[in-house]
Amino acid sequence: MGPIESSEVICPYCGETIEHLLDPGGGEIQEYVEDCEVCCRPWSVRVRYDPETGLDVRVERADE
C-alpha cells in the first residue's frame, strides 16, 4: 500500500464532507491554513503521519 494522499474531513463552518488532498512528503507533522472548497472559509489543518497509529487529520476554524 502506498502513502495516503487524501482524507475526508468535515468543514467546521459549513459541515460539508470534503476530500482533502495531503502531501505525504511534507513531513510527519504538518500544520497549515487552507480554505474550504465549498464555503471558502479558512481551516487550520494539522496532519500527523505515524507508522504505529496511522494517519490523523484535524481541521478547525482558523479564525479562533
N, C-alpha and C. Protein backbone atom coordinates (compact mmCIF):
# COMPACT_ATOMS: atom_id res chain seq x y z
N MET A 1 0.84 -1.18 0.00
CA MET A 1 0.00 0.00 0.00
C MET A 1 0.88 1.24 0.00
N GLY A 2 0.61 2.18 -0.88
CA GLY A 2 1.37 3.42 -0.98
C GLY A 2 0.91 4.42 0.06
N PRO A 3 1.57 5.58 0.09
CA PRO A 3 1.19 6.60 1.07
C PRO A 3 -0.22 7.13 0.82
N ILE A 4 -0.90 7.48 1.89
CA ILE A 4 -2.24 8.05 1.79
C ILE A 4 -2.11 9.47 1.25
N GLU A 5 -2.86 9.81 0.23
CA GLU A 5 -2.74 11.12 -0.39
C GLU A 5 -3.99 11.96 -0.25
N SER A 6 -5.03 11.43 0.41
CA SER A 6 -6.23 12.23 0.66
C SER A 6 -6.94 11.69 1.90
N SER A 7 -7.77 12.53 2.47
CA SER A 7 -8.54 12.15 3.64
C SER A 7 -9.85 12.93 3.61
N GLU A 8 -10.93 12.31 4.05
CA GLU A 8 -12.20 13.03 4.14
C GLU A 8 -12.24 13.80 5.45
N VAL A 9 -12.58 15.07 5.36
CA VAL A 9 -12.71 15.92 6.54
C VAL A 9 -14.06 16.63 6.48
N ILE A 10 -14.52 17.10 7.62
CA ILE A 10 -15.77 17.85 7.68
C ILE A 10 -15.44 19.30 7.99
N CYS A 11 -15.92 20.20 7.15
CA CYS A 11 -15.66 21.63 7.34
C CYS A 11 -16.28 22.08 8.66
N PRO A 12 -15.50 22.75 9.52
CA PRO A 12 -16.04 23.21 10.80
C PRO A 12 -17.00 24.39 10.66
N TYR A 13 -17.13 24.95 9.47
CA TYR A 13 -18.05 26.07 9.22
C TYR A 13 -19.36 25.59 8.60
N CYS A 14 -19.27 24.96 7.42
CA CYS A 14 -20.47 24.62 6.67
C CYS A 14 -20.92 23.17 6.86
N GLY A 15 -20.08 22.33 7.46
CA GLY A 15 -20.46 20.95 7.74
C GLY A 15 -20.36 20.00 6.56
N GLU A 16 -19.87 20.47 5.42
CA GLU A 16 -19.72 19.60 4.24
C GLU A 16 -18.55 18.63 4.43
N THR A 17 -18.71 17.41 3.94
CA THR A 17 -17.62 16.44 3.91
C THR A 17 -16.83 16.66 2.63
N ILE A 18 -15.52 16.82 2.77
CA ILE A 18 -14.67 17.18 1.64
C ILE A 18 -13.47 16.24 1.60
N GLU A 19 -13.11 15.80 0.40
CA GLU A 19 -11.89 15.01 0.24
C GLU A 19 -10.72 15.98 0.21
N HIS A 20 -9.90 15.93 1.25
CA HIS A 20 -8.78 16.86 1.41
C HIS A 20 -7.50 16.19 0.93
N LEU A 21 -6.81 16.82 -0.02
CA LEU A 21 -5.56 16.26 -0.54
C LEU A 21 -4.42 16.51 0.44
N LEU A 22 -3.57 15.51 0.60
CA LEU A 22 -2.45 15.56 1.54
C LEU A 22 -1.12 15.44 0.81
N ASP A 23 -0.06 15.89 1.47
CA ASP A 23 1.29 15.79 0.93
C ASP A 23 2.14 14.92 1.85
N PRO A 24 2.20 13.59 1.60
CA PRO A 24 2.97 12.70 2.46
C PRO A 24 4.45 13.07 2.54
N GLY A 25 4.98 13.74 1.53
CA GLY A 25 6.38 14.14 1.51
C GLY A 25 6.67 15.39 2.32
N GLY A 26 5.63 15.99 2.92
CA GLY A 26 5.79 17.23 3.66
C GLY A 26 6.24 17.06 5.10
N GLY A 27 6.47 15.84 5.53
CA GLY A 27 6.93 15.59 6.89
C GLY A 27 5.89 14.85 7.71
N GLU A 28 6.34 14.33 8.86
CA GLU A 28 5.46 13.55 9.72
C GLU A 28 4.39 14.41 10.39
N ILE A 29 4.71 15.67 10.71
CA ILE A 29 3.74 16.59 11.30
C ILE A 29 3.67 17.83 10.43
N GLN A 30 2.47 18.19 10.03
CA GLN A 30 2.26 19.35 9.16
C GLN A 30 1.15 20.21 9.74
N GLU A 31 1.34 21.52 9.71
CA GLU A 31 0.32 22.47 10.14
C GLU A 31 0.26 23.59 9.12
N TYR A 32 -0.95 23.89 8.65
CA TYR A 32 -1.10 24.95 7.66
C TYR A 32 -2.55 25.42 7.63
N VAL A 33 -2.81 26.52 6.93
CA VAL A 33 -4.15 27.06 6.77
C VAL A 33 -4.57 26.84 5.32
N GLU A 34 -5.80 26.36 5.14
CA GLU A 34 -6.33 26.12 3.80
C GLU A 34 -7.81 26.47 3.81
N ASP A 35 -8.31 26.97 2.69
CA ASP A 35 -9.71 27.35 2.59
C ASP A 35 -10.59 26.17 2.20
N CYS A 36 -11.82 26.14 2.74
CA CYS A 36 -12.81 25.13 2.38
C CYS A 36 -13.17 25.30 0.91
N GLU A 37 -13.27 24.20 0.19
CA GLU A 37 -13.64 24.24 -1.23
C GLU A 37 -15.09 24.66 -1.44
N VAL A 38 -15.93 24.51 -0.42
CA VAL A 38 -17.36 24.81 -0.55
C VAL A 38 -17.67 26.23 -0.10
N CYS A 39 -17.31 26.59 1.15
CA CYS A 39 -17.70 27.90 1.69
C CYS A 39 -16.55 28.92 1.70
N CYS A 40 -15.35 28.50 1.34
CA CYS A 40 -14.17 29.36 1.20
C CYS A 40 -13.68 29.97 2.52
N ARG A 41 -14.10 29.44 3.66
CA ARG A 41 -13.62 29.94 4.94
C ARG A 41 -12.36 29.18 5.33
N PRO A 42 -11.45 29.81 6.10
CA PRO A 42 -10.15 29.21 6.38
C PRO A 42 -10.17 28.15 7.48
N TRP A 43 -9.50 27.05 7.20
CA TRP A 43 -9.29 25.98 8.18
C TRP A 43 -7.87 26.05 8.69
N SER A 44 -7.68 25.66 9.92
CA SER A 44 -6.36 25.34 10.45
C SER A 44 -6.26 23.82 10.36
N VAL A 45 -5.31 23.34 9.57
CA VAL A 45 -5.18 21.90 9.31
C VAL A 45 -3.95 21.37 10.04
N ARG A 46 -4.11 20.24 10.72
CA ARG A 46 -2.98 19.56 11.36
C ARG A 46 -2.99 18.11 10.87
N VAL A 47 -1.88 17.70 10.28
CA VAL A 47 -1.74 16.35 9.75
C VAL A 47 -0.59 15.68 10.48
N ARG A 48 -0.81 14.45 10.91
CA ARG A 48 0.24 13.69 11.57
C ARG A 48 0.30 12.29 10.96
N TYR A 49 1.48 11.95 10.45
CA TYR A 49 1.72 10.60 9.93
C TYR A 49 2.50 9.84 11.00
N ASP A 50 1.94 8.73 11.46
CA ASP A 50 2.60 7.92 12.48
C ASP A 50 2.59 6.47 12.02
N PRO A 51 3.76 5.84 11.91
CA PRO A 51 3.80 4.46 11.42
C PRO A 51 3.05 3.48 12.32
N GLU A 52 2.90 3.80 13.61
CA GLU A 52 2.22 2.88 14.53
C GLU A 52 0.71 3.12 14.57
N THR A 53 0.29 4.38 14.63
CA THR A 53 -1.14 4.66 14.77
C THR A 53 -1.81 5.08 13.47
N GLY A 54 -1.04 5.33 12.43
CA GLY A 54 -1.60 5.70 11.14
C GLY A 54 -1.70 7.20 10.96
N LEU A 55 -2.67 7.60 10.18
CA LEU A 55 -2.85 9.00 9.79
C LEU A 55 -3.87 9.68 10.68
N ASP A 56 -3.57 10.90 11.11
CA ASP A 56 -4.51 11.71 11.89
C ASP A 56 -4.60 13.08 11.23
N VAL A 57 -5.80 13.45 10.76
CA VAL A 57 -6.03 14.74 10.11
C VAL A 57 -7.10 15.47 10.90
N ARG A 58 -6.80 16.70 11.32
CA ARG A 58 -7.76 17.51 12.07
C ARG A 58 -7.89 18.88 11.42
N VAL A 59 -9.13 19.34 11.30
CA VAL A 59 -9.39 20.69 10.79
C VAL A 59 -10.21 21.45 11.82
N GLU A 60 -9.84 22.70 12.04
CA GLU A 60 -10.54 23.57 12.97
C GLU A 60 -10.72 24.92 12.33
N ARG A 61 -11.59 25.74 12.87
CA ARG A 61 -11.75 27.10 12.38
C ARG A 61 -10.44 27.86 12.57
N ALA A 62 -9.98 28.52 11.54
CA ALA A 62 -8.72 29.25 11.61
C ALA A 62 -8.88 30.61 12.25
N ASP A 63 -10.11 31.09 12.38
CA ASP A 63 -10.32 32.44 12.91
C ASP A 63 -10.51 32.45 14.43
N GLU A 64 -10.30 31.32 15.08
CA GLU A 64 -10.47 31.26 16.54
C GLU A 64 -9.15 31.25 17.24
